[in-house]
């Protein structure tokens, strides 16, 4: 047996050496003989990326030139800057958002302002990445911005760069029902400490329960997820284990500290963009019957990555294991190893999922993310609303509104009046926000198929009549979908006065999932029934058995060691 293993290992080493020799020889011949000059660095990077793409989306090579961006995205969110985000539009650069308490806000830079120059450098030929690099720099350095607001004369402002740290916890506060609410955006460095601080502050209000919002949280550092679960779960409890082909990398993570809120009612909000570390938190709390999960099925990323240093200050991030929550289930939804012949990835079918048991005997399933205890149906905005968002007309009107109104009410109570909405409709009168709604798309598909089958002349009269009727009905879309358009307008406008906090608080009254979380904890009977697995709550993960609440709403992810 030992001889067989030795041969196998030696043979593998020979294949590696052989293939590297072939690759080096191929590269040399192409580099020397190809008809045009080639960018050798770009070509090698393309080859490496293509090789790793055959594994999974999370195994990737990071060259030296991209290391800083990698750290910013996956490790820490600290950098020197002004505290504003930007976007490009028709070859011009605009401020999209300003963060409260940082240099841009202190200098009265506002969303919608056009940036013409940075330190005398004209931005005409610059893309967003170029401009972002110009805005960043060492803390304490002066940066000169030439800004244009609407039709006003451009103004130059001197800002002093500061250390910009985007928090993992973007908001916490009290909501209806005397519930504490924590919005966690990512699991990067110090996210466990940030949630701890938020929870400590909320406990001073004697909340009736805590709502941990992990919606659209794509994950991050696995150990931070364990720390956050430990706030609600006793010391010495297994939270997650990782298992791979190398035994030394197999590890079980358990809680190490006394919890801060071991008995407080807890709801975790998830959606289809909640992934990896978010799923560790939601899955472990569900498996331990410690929290009620509300929302939609999570993304289903049960893979763990580790980074390895390479020569010349580069690195590679490799998937080294799968993780398993306390019941023993792995929630990975896609099987990257067994692909179809065309290279596409297969999702685990519901029929192939395996049953596992929570601490108190509820049935949960693997292979498809974390299915919520209370499922809230997600609906997309109407086509007209999506068009207004995509063409930045909601953004533009908020800029216009901010210029005309020096102040507004508190974001929790702020609402647009019917007169305000009529003004918005008037504002759109000379704007282009053309779109095709679902009915029009279906009608166009019908025409295409009828033409293909040479039957269109027979139905053209009926087609034209139906198209005319749809066009007439479409003129009423701004009124038909007034409620959802008004919601987005209020959120955007509130952010112009109260920044990110304003966006959250203005939306609380519209947030169906948040409302369901409050309702579930207020109704102690339902909360207890879910955690005890009574009635239909005995089985979690079968859509036909889930509690459904209608909702109207508007990941690539990583768990690094």
Protein backbone atom coordinates (compact mmCIF):
# COMPACT_ATOMS: atom_id res chain seq x y z
CA UNK A 1 0.00 0.00 0.00
CA UNK A 2 2.84 2.38 0.92
CA UNK A 3 4.60 1.57 -2.36
CA UNK A 4 1.41 2.35 -4.29
CA UNK A 5 1.02 5.74 -2.56
CA UNK A 6 4.67 6.58 -3.19
CA UNK A 7 4.31 5.74 -6.90
CA UNK A 8 1.15 7.80 -7.17
CA UNK A 9 2.76 10.84 -5.56
CA UNK A 10 5.90 10.52 -7.72
CA UNK A 11 3.79 10.16 -10.85
CA UNK A 12 1.84 13.29 -9.93
CA UNK A 13 5.06 15.24 -9.43
CA UNK A 14 6.27 14.04 -12.84
CA UNK A 15 3.02 15.21 -14.49
CA UNK A 16 3.32 18.63 -12.82
CA UNK A 17 6.95 19.00 -13.94
CA UNK A 18 6.11 17.80 -17.45
CA UNK A 19 3.18 20.20 -17.87
CA UNK A 20 5.18 23.17 -16.55
CA UNK A 21 7.96 22.39 -19.04
CA UNK A 22 5.40 22.26 -21.86
CA UNK A 23 3.84 25.54 -20.72
CA UNK A 24 7.22 27.31 -20.49
CA UNK A 25 8.24 26.04 -23.94
CA UNK A 26 4.90 27.06 -25.46
CA UNK A 27 5.10 30.54 -23.94
CA UNK A 28 8.67 31.00 -25.20
CA UNK A 29 7.76 30.01 -28.77
CA UNK A 30 4.70 32.26 -28.86
CA UNK A 31 6.61 35.18 -27.36
CA UNK A 32 9.44 34.85 -29.88
CA UNK A 33 7.52 33.97 -33.03
CA UNK A 34 4.07 35.60 -32.83
CA UNK A 35 3.55 38.11 -35.65
CA UNK A 36 2.80 41.08 -33.35
CA UNK A 37 4.22 42.22 -30.03
CA UNK A 38 2.45 40.69 -27.06
CA UNK A 39 1.93 41.80 -23.48
CA UNK A 40 3.58 38.92 -21.67
CA UNK A 41 2.22 39.83 -18.23
CA UNK A 42 -1.34 40.04 -19.54
CA UNK A 43 -1.00 36.79 -21.47
CA UNK A 44 0.27 34.84 -18.46
CA UNK A 45 -2.49 36.32 -16.28
CA UNK A 46 -5.08 35.27 -18.89
CA UNK A 47 -3.67 31.74 -18.92
CA UNK A 48 -3.66 31.45 -15.13
CA UNK A 49 -7.21 32.83 -14.87
CA UNK A 50 -8.45 30.36 -17.49
CA UNK A 51 -6.85 27.49 -15.61
CA UNK A 52 -8.43 28.49 -12.30
CA UNK A 53 -11.83 29.22 -13.87
CA UNK A 54 -12.18 25.49 -14.39
CA UNK A 55 -12.25 24.99 -10.61
CA UNK A 56 -14.69 27.46 -9.04
CA UNK A 57 -15.28 31.25 -9.02
CA UNK A 58 -13.52 31.69 -5.66
CA UNK A 59 -10.10 30.22 -6.47
CA UNK A 60 -8.17 33.11 -7.98
CA UNK A 61 -4.72 34.55 -8.62
CA UNK A 62 -4.03 38.08 -7.36
CA UNK A 63 -1.02 39.80 -8.97
CA UNK A 64 1.01 42.42 -7.14
CA UNK A 65 -0.80 45.24 -8.96
CA UNK A 66 -4.15 44.16 -7.47
CA UNK A 67 -3.09 43.35 -3.91
CA UNK A 68 -4.32 46.60 -2.35
CA UNK A 69 -7.75 46.32 -3.97
CA UNK A 70 -7.93 42.70 -2.83
CA UNK A 71 -7.23 43.65 0.79
CA UNK A 72 -9.81 46.41 0.63
CA UNK A 73 -12.47 44.03 -0.66
CA UNK A 74 -11.74 40.92 1.38
CA UNK A 75 -9.81 41.93 4.50
CA UNK A 76 -10.28 45.53 5.60
CA UNK A 77 -12.17 48.62 4.41
CA UNK A 78 -9.66 51.23 5.61
CA UNK A 79 -8.03 53.69 3.18
CA UNK A 80 -7.08 57.35 2.91
CA UNK A 81 -9.71 59.38 1.10
CA UNK A 82 -12.52 61.92 1.33
CA UNK A 83 -15.50 59.70 2.21
CA UNK A 84 -17.46 59.78 -1.04
CA UNK A 85 -18.31 57.32 -3.82
CA UNK A 86 -18.48 58.25 -7.51
CA UNK A 87 -19.84 57.06 -10.85
CA UNK A 88 -19.31 57.89 -14.52
CA UNK A 89 -22.08 59.18 -16.73
CA UNK A 90 -21.68 60.30 -20.35
CA UNK A 91 -17.90 60.63 -19.85
CA UNK A 92 -18.39 62.84 -16.79
CA UNK A 93 -17.75 61.94 -13.15
CA UNK A 94 -20.33 62.55 -10.42
CA UNK A 95 -20.56 62.03 -6.68
CA UNK A 96 -23.03 59.22 -5.98
CA UNK A 97 -22.93 59.13 -2.18
CA UNK A 98 -21.32 60.99 0.70
CA UNK A 99 -20.52 59.36 4.04
CA UNK A 100 -21.43 61.20 7.21
CA UNK A 101 -18.59 62.60 9.32
CA UNK A 102 -15.87 62.48 6.66
CA UNK A 103 -14.12 65.26 4.69
CA UNK A 104 -16.55 65.34 1.74
CA UNK A 105 -19.58 65.84 3.97
CA UNK A 106 -17.79 68.42 6.10
CA UNK A 107 -16.97 70.39 2.93
CA UNK A 108 -20.61 70.21 1.74
CA UNK A 109 -19.87 67.94 -1.20
CA UNK A 110 -23.21 66.42 -2.23
CA UNK A 111 -24.48 63.53 -4.34
CA UNK A 112 -25.04 64.82 -7.88
CA UNK A 113 -22.06 67.17 -7.81
CA UNK A 114 -19.89 66.83 -10.92
CA UNK A 115 -16.14 66.55 -10.30
CA UNK A 116 -14.30 68.46 -13.02
CA UNK A 117 -10.73 68.38 -11.71
CA UNK A 118 -8.71 66.77 -8.91
CA UNK A 119 -5.53 68.60 -7.95
CA UNK A 120 -5.66 70.37 -11.28
CA UNK A 121 -5.99 67.14 -13.29
CA UNK A 122 -8.83 67.29 -15.81
CA UNK A 123 -11.11 64.25 -15.56
CA UNK A 124 -12.44 64.29 -19.12
CA UNK A 125 -10.58 61.15 -20.18
CA UNK A 126 -10.69 59.39 -16.81
CA UNK A 127 -12.88 56.41 -15.89
CA UNK A 128 -14.23 55.73 -12.40
CA UNK A 129 -11.24 53.60 -11.40
CA UNK A 130 -8.81 56.34 -12.45
CA UNK A 131 -10.75 58.96 -10.49
CA UNK A 132 -11.02 56.71 -7.45
CA UNK A 133 -7.23 56.37 -7.37
CA UNK A 134 -6.84 60.15 -7.61
CA UNK A 135 -9.19 60.65 -4.66
CA UNK A 136 -7.30 58.18 -2.48
CA UNK A 137 -3.99 58.99 -0.84
CA UNK A 138 -2.20 59.52 2.43
CA UNK A 139 -4.10 60.76 5.45
CA UNK A 140 -3.61 64.48 6.13
CA UNK A 141 -2.78 65.42 2.54
CA UNK A 142 -4.69 68.29 0.94
CA UNK A 143 -6.76 67.48 -2.14
CA UNK A 144 -8.28 70.15 -4.40
CA UNK A 145 -11.60 69.42 -6.06
CA UNK A 146 -13.20 71.53 -8.78
CA UNK A 147 -16.93 70.85 -8.45
CA UNK A 148 -20.00 71.87 -10.44
CA UNK A 149 -23.48 71.74 -8.92
CA UNK A 150 -26.29 71.93 -11.45
CA UNK A 151 -26.02 75.12 -13.50
CA UNK A 152 -23.92 76.92 -10.87
CA UNK A 153 -20.43 78.22 -11.57
CA UNK A 154 -17.75 75.62 -10.73
CA UNK A 155 -16.26 75.97 -7.25
CA UNK A 156 -12.88 74.75 -5.99
CA UNK A 157 -12.81 73.15 -2.55
CA UNK A 158 -9.81 72.12 -0.47
CA UNK A 159 -10.32 68.92 1.50
CA UNK A 160 -7.92 67.12 3.79
CA UNK A 161 -7.83 63.37 3.30
CA UNK A 162 -8.71 61.31 6.32
CA UNK A 163 -8.59 57.63 7.17
CA UNK A 164 -11.80 56.25 5.73
CA UNK A 165 -13.12 53.15 7.43
CA UNK A 166 -16.37 51.84 6.11
CA UNK A 167 -17.97 49.97 8.99
CA UNK A 168 -19.15 46.39 8.74
CA UNK A 169 -22.21 47.41 10.76
CA UNK A 170 -23.76 50.14 8.62
CA UNK A 171 -26.67 50.80 10.99
CA UNK A 172 -28.07 49.88 14.38
CA UNK A 173 -30.97 51.31 16.36
CA UNK A 174 -34.40 50.64 17.77
CA UNK A 175 -37.37 49.84 15.54
CA UNK A 176 -41.09 49.16 16.09
CA UNK A 177 -42.07 46.87 18.94
CA UNK A 178 -39.06 48.03 20.99
CA UNK A 179 -36.85 45.71 18.93
CA UNK A 180 -33.14 46.26 18.44
CA UNK A 181 -31.98 46.20 14.83
CA UNK A 182 -28.43 45.56 13.53
CA UNK A 183 -27.53 45.76 9.80
CA UNK A 184 -24.30 43.87 9.08
CA UNK A 185 -23.01 44.39 5.53
CA UNK A 186 -19.89 42.20 5.55
CA UNK A 187 -17.72 39.97 7.71
CA UNK A 188 -14.36 41.73 7.41
CA UNK A 189 -11.89 42.61 10.16
CA UNK A 190 -13.50 43.71 13.44
CA UNK A 191 -17.05 42.82 12.34
CA UNK A 192 -17.45 40.72 15.50
CA UNK A 193 -16.42 43.68 17.67
CA UNK A 194 -18.75 46.02 15.78
CA UNK A 195 -21.76 43.74 16.30
CA UNK A 196 -20.76 43.37 19.97
CA UNK A 197 -20.66 47.15 20.40
CA UNK A 198 -24.00 47.57 18.62
CA UNK A 199 -25.63 44.87 20.74
CA UNK A 200 -24.22 46.38 23.94
CA UNK A 201 -25.66 49.77 23.03
CA UNK A 202 -29.06 48.32 22.10
CA UNK A 203 -29.30 46.36 25.35
CA UNK A 204 -29.36 49.66 27.25
CA UNK A 205 -32.85 50.19 25.77
CA UNK A 206 -34.11 46.88 27.21
CA UNK A 207 -35.24 45.58 23.81
CA UNK A 208 -37.90 42.91 23.45
CA UNK A 209 -35.74 41.17 20.86
CA UNK A 210 -32.90 41.59 18.37
CA UNK A 211 -33.10 41.58 14.57
CA UNK A 212 -29.81 40.77 12.83
CA UNK A 213 -30.07 41.79 9.18
CA UNK A 214 -27.77 39.76 6.89
CA UNK A 215 -29.61 40.47 3.65
CA UNK A 216 -27.22 40.90 0.71
CA UNK A 217 -24.24 40.21 2.99
CA UNK A 218 -21.85 38.21 0.79
CA UNK A 219 -19.67 36.93 3.63
CA UNK A 220 -16.03 37.39 4.58
CA UNK A 221 -13.94 36.01 7.40
CA UNK A 222 -15.21 32.74 8.87
CA UNK A 223 -13.86 33.39 12.38
CA UNK A 224 -15.81 36.66 12.58
CA UNK A 225 -19.02 34.71 11.94
CA UNK A 226 -18.22 32.42 14.87
CA UNK A 227 -17.65 35.43 17.16
CA UNK A 228 -21.03 36.86 16.21
CA UNK A 229 -22.87 33.59 16.85
CA UNK A 230 -21.10 33.45 20.24
CA UNK A 231 -22.96 36.63 21.28
CA UNK A 232 -26.15 34.56 21.41
CA UNK A 233 -24.92 31.02 22.12
CA UNK A 234 -23.21 29.61 25.26
CA UNK A 235 -19.51 28.90 25.52
CA UNK A 236 -18.25 25.55 24.20
CA UNK A 237 -20.85 24.99 21.46
CA UNK A 238 -19.76 23.77 18.01
CA UNK A 239 -20.69 26.34 15.36
CA UNK A 240 -19.06 25.21 12.12
CA UNK A 241 -16.54 22.67 10.88
CA UNK A 242 -14.47 22.72 7.72
CA UNK A 243 -13.46 19.53 5.92
CA UNK A 244 -11.16 19.13 2.92
CA UNK A 245 -8.75 16.60 1.44
CA UNK A 246 -5.85 17.73 3.66
CA UNK A 247 -6.44 16.50 7.19
CA UNK A 248 -4.37 19.29 8.74
CA UNK A 249 -6.81 21.85 7.37
CA UNK A 250 -9.86 20.15 8.86
CA UNK A 251 -11.02 22.19 11.82
CA UNK A 252 -14.00 22.69 14.09
CA UNK A 253 -14.87 26.14 15.40
CA UNK A 254 -16.66 26.43 18.74
CA UNK A 255 -17.72 29.34 20.91
CA UNK A 256 -15.07 30.51 23.39
CA UNK A 257 -16.76 33.22 25.43
CA UNK A 258 -19.75 33.84 27.67
CA UNK A 259 -22.58 35.15 25.45
CA UNK A 260 -23.83 38.73 25.68
CA UNK A 261 -27.49 37.91 24.96
CA UNK A 262 -28.02 34.15 25.49
CA UNK A 263 -31.79 34.28 26.03
CA UNK A 264 -32.95 37.35 24.12
CA UNK A 265 -35.41 36.58 21.28
CA UNK A 266 -33.53 36.71 17.99
CA UNK A 267 -34.49 36.92 14.31
CA UNK A 268 -32.02 36.75 11.42
CA UNK A 269 -33.01 38.24 8.04
CA UNK A 270 -31.58 36.62 4.88
CA UNK A 271 -32.14 36.76 1.13
CA UNK A 272 -30.76 35.16 -2.01
CA UNK A 273 -27.62 37.32 -1.77
CA UNK A 274 -26.77 36.28 1.79
CA UNK A 275 -23.79 33.98 1.39
CA UNK A 276 -20.99 32.03 3.11
CA UNK A 277 -20.29 33.69 6.49
CA UNK A 278 -23.89 34.94 6.52
CA UNK A 279 -25.02 31.36 6.01
CA UNK A 280 -22.76 30.13 8.81
CA UNK A 281 -24.44 32.57 11.20
CA UNK A 282 -27.99 31.90 9.97
CA UNK A 283 -27.45 28.14 9.58
CA UNK A 284 -25.82 27.57 12.96
CA UNK A 285 -28.44 29.65 14.81
CA UNK A 286 -31.16 27.70 12.98
CA UNK A 287 -29.54 24.33 13.69
CA UNK A 288 -29.17 25.23 17.38
CA UNK A 289 -32.83 26.37 17.50
CA UNK A 290 -31.58 29.71 18.79
CA UNK A 291 -33.05 32.12 16.20
CA UNK A 292 -35.91 32.37 13.73
CA UNK A 293 -34.74 32.88 10.15
CA UNK A 294 -36.94 35.11 7.97
CA UNK A 295 -36.70 36.03 4.28
CA UNK A 296 -35.75 33.99 1.21
CA UNK A 297 -33.45 31.01 0.68
CA UNK A 298 -29.82 32.11 0.96
CA UNK A 299 -27.22 31.87 -1.82
CA UNK A 300 -25.77 28.45 -0.98
CA UNK A 301 -22.00 28.94 -0.72
CA UNK A 302 -20.44 26.32 1.54
CA UNK A 303 -16.82 26.69 0.44
CA UNK A 304 -13.87 27.98 2.46
CA UNK A 305 -10.88 29.79 0.95
CA UNK A 306 -7.33 30.33 2.20
CA UNK A 307 -4.72 32.66 0.73
CA UNK A 308 -1.17 31.55 -0.05
CA UNK A 309 1.73 33.90 -0.78
CA UNK A 310 3.48 33.63 -4.14
CA UNK A 311 6.71 35.19 -5.45
CA UNK A 312 6.87 38.90 -6.34
CA UNK A 313 4.25 39.99 -3.77
CA UNK A 314 1.41 38.12 -5.45
CA UNK A 315 -0.92 35.54 -3.93
CA UNK A 316 -3.42 32.84 -4.75
CA UNK A 317 -6.72 32.27 -2.99
CA UNK A 318 -7.71 28.59 -3.02
CA UNK A 319 -10.83 26.74 -1.97
CA UNK A 320 -9.47 24.33 0.63
CA UNK A 321 -12.61 22.89 2.26
CA UNK A 322 -16.35 22.79 2.59
CA UNK A 323 -18.00 23.95 5.76
CA UNK A 324 -20.70 22.19 7.76
CA UNK A 325 -23.07 23.78 10.27
CA UNK A 326 -23.98 22.06 13.57
CA UNK A 327 -26.58 19.64 12.17
CA UNK A 328 -23.90 18.26 9.84
CA UNK A 329 -25.28 19.73 6.62
CA UNK A 330 -23.28 21.51 3.94
CA UNK A 331 -25.29 24.21 2.24
CA UNK A 332 -23.22 24.40 -0.98
CA UNK A 333 -25.73 24.71 -3.83
CA UNK A 334 -23.54 24.30 -6.92
CA UNK A 335 -21.40 21.27 -7.78
CA UNK A 336 -18.31 22.69 -9.50
CA UNK A 337 -16.56 19.32 -9.67
CA UNK A 338 -19.16 17.47 -11.73
CA UNK A 339 -19.94 19.88 -14.54
CA UNK A 340 -21.96 19.22 -17.68
CA UNK A 341 -20.15 18.50 -20.94
CA UNK A 342 -20.52 22.16 -21.93
CA UNK A 343 -18.81 23.27 -18.71
CA UNK A 344 -21.94 24.63 -17.05
CA UNK A 345 -22.46 24.02 -13.34
CA UNK A 346 -25.30 21.92 -11.99
CA UNK A 347 -27.37 23.02 -9.02
CA UNK A 348 -28.29 20.38 -6.47
CA UNK A 349 -31.85 19.20 -7.19
CA UNK A 350 -34.36 19.32 -4.35
CA UNK A 351 -34.88 15.58 -4.77
CA UNK A 352 -31.20 14.94 -3.99
CA UNK A 353 -31.10 16.94 -0.78
CA UNK A 354 -30.49 15.06 2.49
CA UNK A 355 -32.39 15.53 5.72
CA UNK A 356 -30.64 16.60 8.93
CA UNK A 357 -31.93 17.41 12.40
CA UNK A 358 -31.59 20.57 14.45
CA UNK A 359 -30.76 20.43 18.16
CA UNK A 360 -34.42 19.93 19.10
CA UNK A 361 -35.35 17.69 16.17
CA UNK A 362 -36.56 19.96 13.39
CA UNK A 363 -35.85 18.74 9.86
CA UNK A 364 -33.45 20.83 7.74
CA UNK A 365 -31.79 20.06 4.40
CA UNK A 366 -28.41 20.39 2.72
CA UNK A 367 -27.44 21.41 -0.80
CA UNK A 368 -29.41 24.60 -1.25
CA UNK A 369 -28.49 27.39 1.11
CA UNK A 370 -30.37 28.19 4.31
CA UNK A 371 -34.11 28.01 3.90
CA UNK A 372 -35.94 30.44 6.22
CA UNK A 373 -38.37 29.38 8.94
CA UNK A 374 -40.73 32.09 7.67
CA UNK A 375 -40.52 32.57 3.91
CA UNK A 376 -41.27 36.08 2.62
CA UNK A 377 -42.02 36.08 -1.09
CA UNK A 378 -39.84 38.51 -3.01
CA UNK A 379 -41.31 40.43 -5.92
CA UNK A 380 -39.43 42.64 -8.36
CA UNK A 381 -40.27 46.24 -9.02
CA UNK A 382 -42.34 47.07 -12.08
CA UNK A 383 -40.62 47.79 -15.38
CA UNK A 384 -41.33 51.52 -15.11
CA UNK A 385 -39.70 51.65 -11.67
CA UNK A 386 -36.66 49.73 -12.86
CA UNK A 387 -36.33 52.11 -15.79
CA UNK A 388 -36.48 55.19 -13.53
CA UNK A 389 -33.76 53.68 -11.37
CA UNK A 390 -31.58 52.49 -14.24
CA UNK A 391 -31.72 55.82 -16.07
CA UNK A 392 -30.85 57.61 -12.78
CA UNK A 393 -34.02 59.69 -12.83
CA UNK A 394 -34.77 58.85 -9.19
CA UNK A 395 -31.22 59.97 -8.34
CA UNK A 396 -31.54 63.14 -10.42
CA UNK A 397 -34.87 64.13 -8.87
CA UNK A 398 -33.45 63.65 -5.36
CA UNK A 399 -30.62 66.03 -6.34
CA UNK A 400 -33.18 68.51 -7.66
CA UNK A 401 -35.34 68.13 -4.53
CA UNK A 402 -32.37 68.67 -2.18
CA UNK A 403 -31.50 71.89 -4.00
CA UNK A 404 -35.05 73.21 -3.59
CA UNK A 405 -35.68 72.12 0.03
CA UNK A 406 -33.13 73.13 2.69
CA UNK A 407 -34.50 70.58 5.19
CA UNK A 408 -37.04 67.79 5.59
CA UNK A 409 -38.69 65.96 8.48
CA UNK A 410 -37.01 63.17 10.43
CA UNK A 411 -36.45 60.23 8.03
CA UNK A 412 -38.75 57.90 9.98
CA UNK A 413 -41.67 60.28 9.48
CA UNK A 414 -40.70 61.81 6.13
CA UNK A 415 -43.18 61.15 3.31
CA UNK A 416 -43.74 62.71 -0.08
CA UNK A 417 -47.11 64.40 -0.44
CA UNK A 418 -49.37 63.91 -3.45
CA UNK A 419 -48.27 67.38 -4.60
CA UNK A 420 -44.61 66.30 -4.34
CA UNK A 421 -45.31 63.20 -6.40
CA UNK A 422 -47.18 65.27 -9.00
CA UNK A 423 -44.09 67.48 -9.20
CA UNK A 424 -41.97 64.38 -9.83
CA UNK A 425 -44.31 63.29 -12.65
CA UNK A 426 -44.02 66.80 -14.12
CA UNK A 427 -40.21 66.59 -13.79
CA UNK A 428 -40.30 63.43 -15.93
CA UNK A 429 -42.38 65.03 -18.71
CA UNK A 430 -39.36 65.83 -20.89
CA UNK A 431 -37.21 62.88 -19.78
CA UNK A 432 -36.61 59.63 -21.64
CA UNK A 433 -37.41 56.57 -19.56
CA UNK A 434 -38.66 54.24 -22.27
CA UNK A 435 -39.06 50.60 -21.29
CA UNK A 436 -40.84 47.40 -22.22
CA UNK A 437 -43.06 45.89 -19.56
CA UNK A 438 -43.69 42.15 -19.23
CA UNK A 439 -46.82 42.26 -21.39
CA UNK A 440 -45.00 44.06 -24.20
CA UNK A 441 -42.15 41.56 -24.10
CA UNK A 442 -44.62 38.70 -24.35
CA UNK A 443 -46.39 40.41 -27.26
CA UNK A 444 -43.08 40.98 -29.06
CA UNK A 445 -42.17 37.32 -28.58
CA UNK A 446 -45.52 36.37 -30.06
CA UNK A 447 -44.87 38.56 -33.12
CA UNK A 448 -41.39 37.08 -33.60
CA UNK A 449 -42.74 33.54 -33.44
CA UNK A 450 -45.69 34.32 -35.71
CA UNK A 451 -43.37 35.85 -38.33
CA UNK A 452 -41.12 32.80 -38.11
CA UNK A 453 -44.13 30.53 -38.71
CA UNK A 454 -45.45 32.85 -41.47
CA UNK A 455 -48.71 33.43 -39.57
CA UNK A 456 -48.28 37.09 -38.66
CA UNK A 457 -50.42 38.50 -41.53
CA UNK A 458 -53.36 36.47 -40.19
CA UNK A 459 -53.11 37.97 -36.71
CA UNK A 460 -51.70 41.43 -37.44
CA UNK A 461 -55.02 43.25 -36.89
CA UNK A 462 -55.46 41.68 -33.46
CA UNK A 463 -51.76 42.29 -32.69
CA UNK A 464 -52.01 45.99 -33.58
CA UNK A 465 -55.15 46.41 -31.49
CA UNK A 466 -53.57 44.75 -28.48
CA UNK A 467 -50.38 46.79 -28.87
CA UNK A 468 -52.38 50.03 -28.99
CA UNK A 469 -54.26 49.05 -25.84
CA UNK A 470 -51.03 48.20 -24.04
CA UNK A 471 -49.49 51.53 -25.09
CA UNK A 472 -52.49 53.40 -23.69
CA UNK A 473 -52.41 51.47 -20.42
CA UNK A 474 -48.66 52.10 -20.13
CA UNK A 475 -49.29 55.85 -19.90
CA UNK A 476 -50.85 55.20 -16.49
CA UNK A 477 -47.87 53.25 -15.09
CA UNK A 478 -46.58 56.18 -13.02
CA UNK A 479 -49.89 56.21 -11.15
CA UNK A 480 -50.41 52.46 -11.14
CA UNK A 481 -47.02 51.91 -9.48
CA UNK A 482 -47.03 55.10 -7.44
CA UNK A 483 -46.55 53.34 -4.10
CA UNK A 484 -43.27 51.63 -4.97
CA UNK A 485 -41.90 54.64 -6.89
CA UNK A 486 -42.76 56.87 -3.93
CA UNK A 487 -40.94 54.48 -1.60
CA UNK A 488 -37.71 54.66 -3.60
CA UNK A 489 -37.96 58.43 -3.95
CA UNK A 490 -38.37 58.88 -0.20
CA UNK A 491 -35.40 56.63 0.54
CA UNK A 492 -33.14 58.47 -1.92
CA UNK A 493 -34.25 61.92 -0.80
CA UNK A 494 -33.86 61.06 2.88
CA UNK A 495 -30.26 59.97 2.21
CA UNK A 496 -29.46 63.45 0.87
CA UNK A 497 -30.16 64.97 4.29
CA UNK A 498 -29.45 62.13 6.75
CA UNK A 499 -26.98 60.04 4.72
CA UNK A 500 -27.03 56.23 5.04
CA UNK A 501 -28.95 56.41 8.30
CA UNK A 502 -31.69 58.34 6.52
CA UNK A 503 -31.98 55.71 3.80
CA UNK A 504 -32.48 52.94 6.35
CA UNK A 505 -34.92 54.81 8.58
CA UNK A 506 -37.03 56.11 5.69
CA UNK A 507 -37.41 52.53 4.44
CA UNK A 508 -38.36 50.93 7.77
CA UNK A 509 -42.06 51.56 7.21
CA UNK A 510 -41.91 49.74 3.85
CA UNK A 511 -39.69 46.82 4.89
CA UNK A 512 -41.96 43.77 4.86
CA UNK A 513 -39.30 41.38 6.17
CA UNK A 514 -38.47 43.71 9.05
CA UNK A 515 -42.18 44.04 9.81
CA UNK A 516 -42.53 40.26 9.78
CA UNK A 517 -39.58 39.96 12.20
CA UNK A 518 -41.24 42.38 14.62
CA UNK A 519 -44.57 40.61 14.30
CA UNK A 520 -43.00 37.18 14.87
CA UNK A 521 -41.24 38.21 18.07
CA UNK A 522 -44.23 40.16 19.35
CA UNK A 523 -46.38 37.09 18.84
CA UNK A 524 -44.52 34.95 21.32
CA UNK A 525 -46.72 31.98 20.46
CA UNK A 526 -45.52 31.86 16.85
CA UNK A 527 -41.88 32.48 17.82
CA UNK A 528 -41.92 29.60 20.29
CA UNK A 529 -43.81 27.31 17.90
CA UNK A 530 -41.17 27.82 15.21
CA UNK A 531 -38.22 27.03 17.48
CA UNK A 532 -40.01 24.03 19.02
CA UNK A 533 -40.90 22.69 15.57
CA UNK A 534 -44.64 22.58 16.16
CA UNK A 535 -47.00 21.82 13.28
CA UNK A 536 -45.70 22.90 9.85
CA UNK A 537 -42.54 24.28 11.47
CA UNK A 538 -41.30 20.75 12.08
CA UNK A 539 -39.86 20.68 8.55
CA UNK A 540 -37.79 23.56 7.13
CA UNK A 541 -36.75 23.71 3.51
CA UNK A 542 -39.77 22.43 1.67
CA UNK A 543 -41.20 25.54 -0.06
CA UNK A 544 -44.73 24.18 -0.06
CA UNK A 545 -44.61 23.89 3.73
CA UNK A 546 -43.19 27.33 4.46
CA UNK A 547 -45.11 30.31 5.80
CA UNK A 548 -45.34 32.83 2.95
CA UNK A 549 -45.65 36.61 3.21
CA UNK A 550 -45.90 38.72 0.02
CA UNK A 551 -43.18 41.32 -0.41
CA UNK A 552 -42.35 44.06 -2.89
CA UNK A 553 -38.63 44.97 -3.16
CA UNK A 554 -36.33 46.56 -5.33
CA UNK A 555 -23.22 37.07 -4.39
CA UNK A 556 -20.20 36.39 -5.32
CA UNK A 557 -18.92 35.74 -1.77
CA UNK A 558 -15.91 34.49 0.11
CA UNK A 559 -15.06 32.96 3.47
CA UNK A 560 -11.36 33.49 4.02
CA UNK A 561 -9.24 32.10 6.78
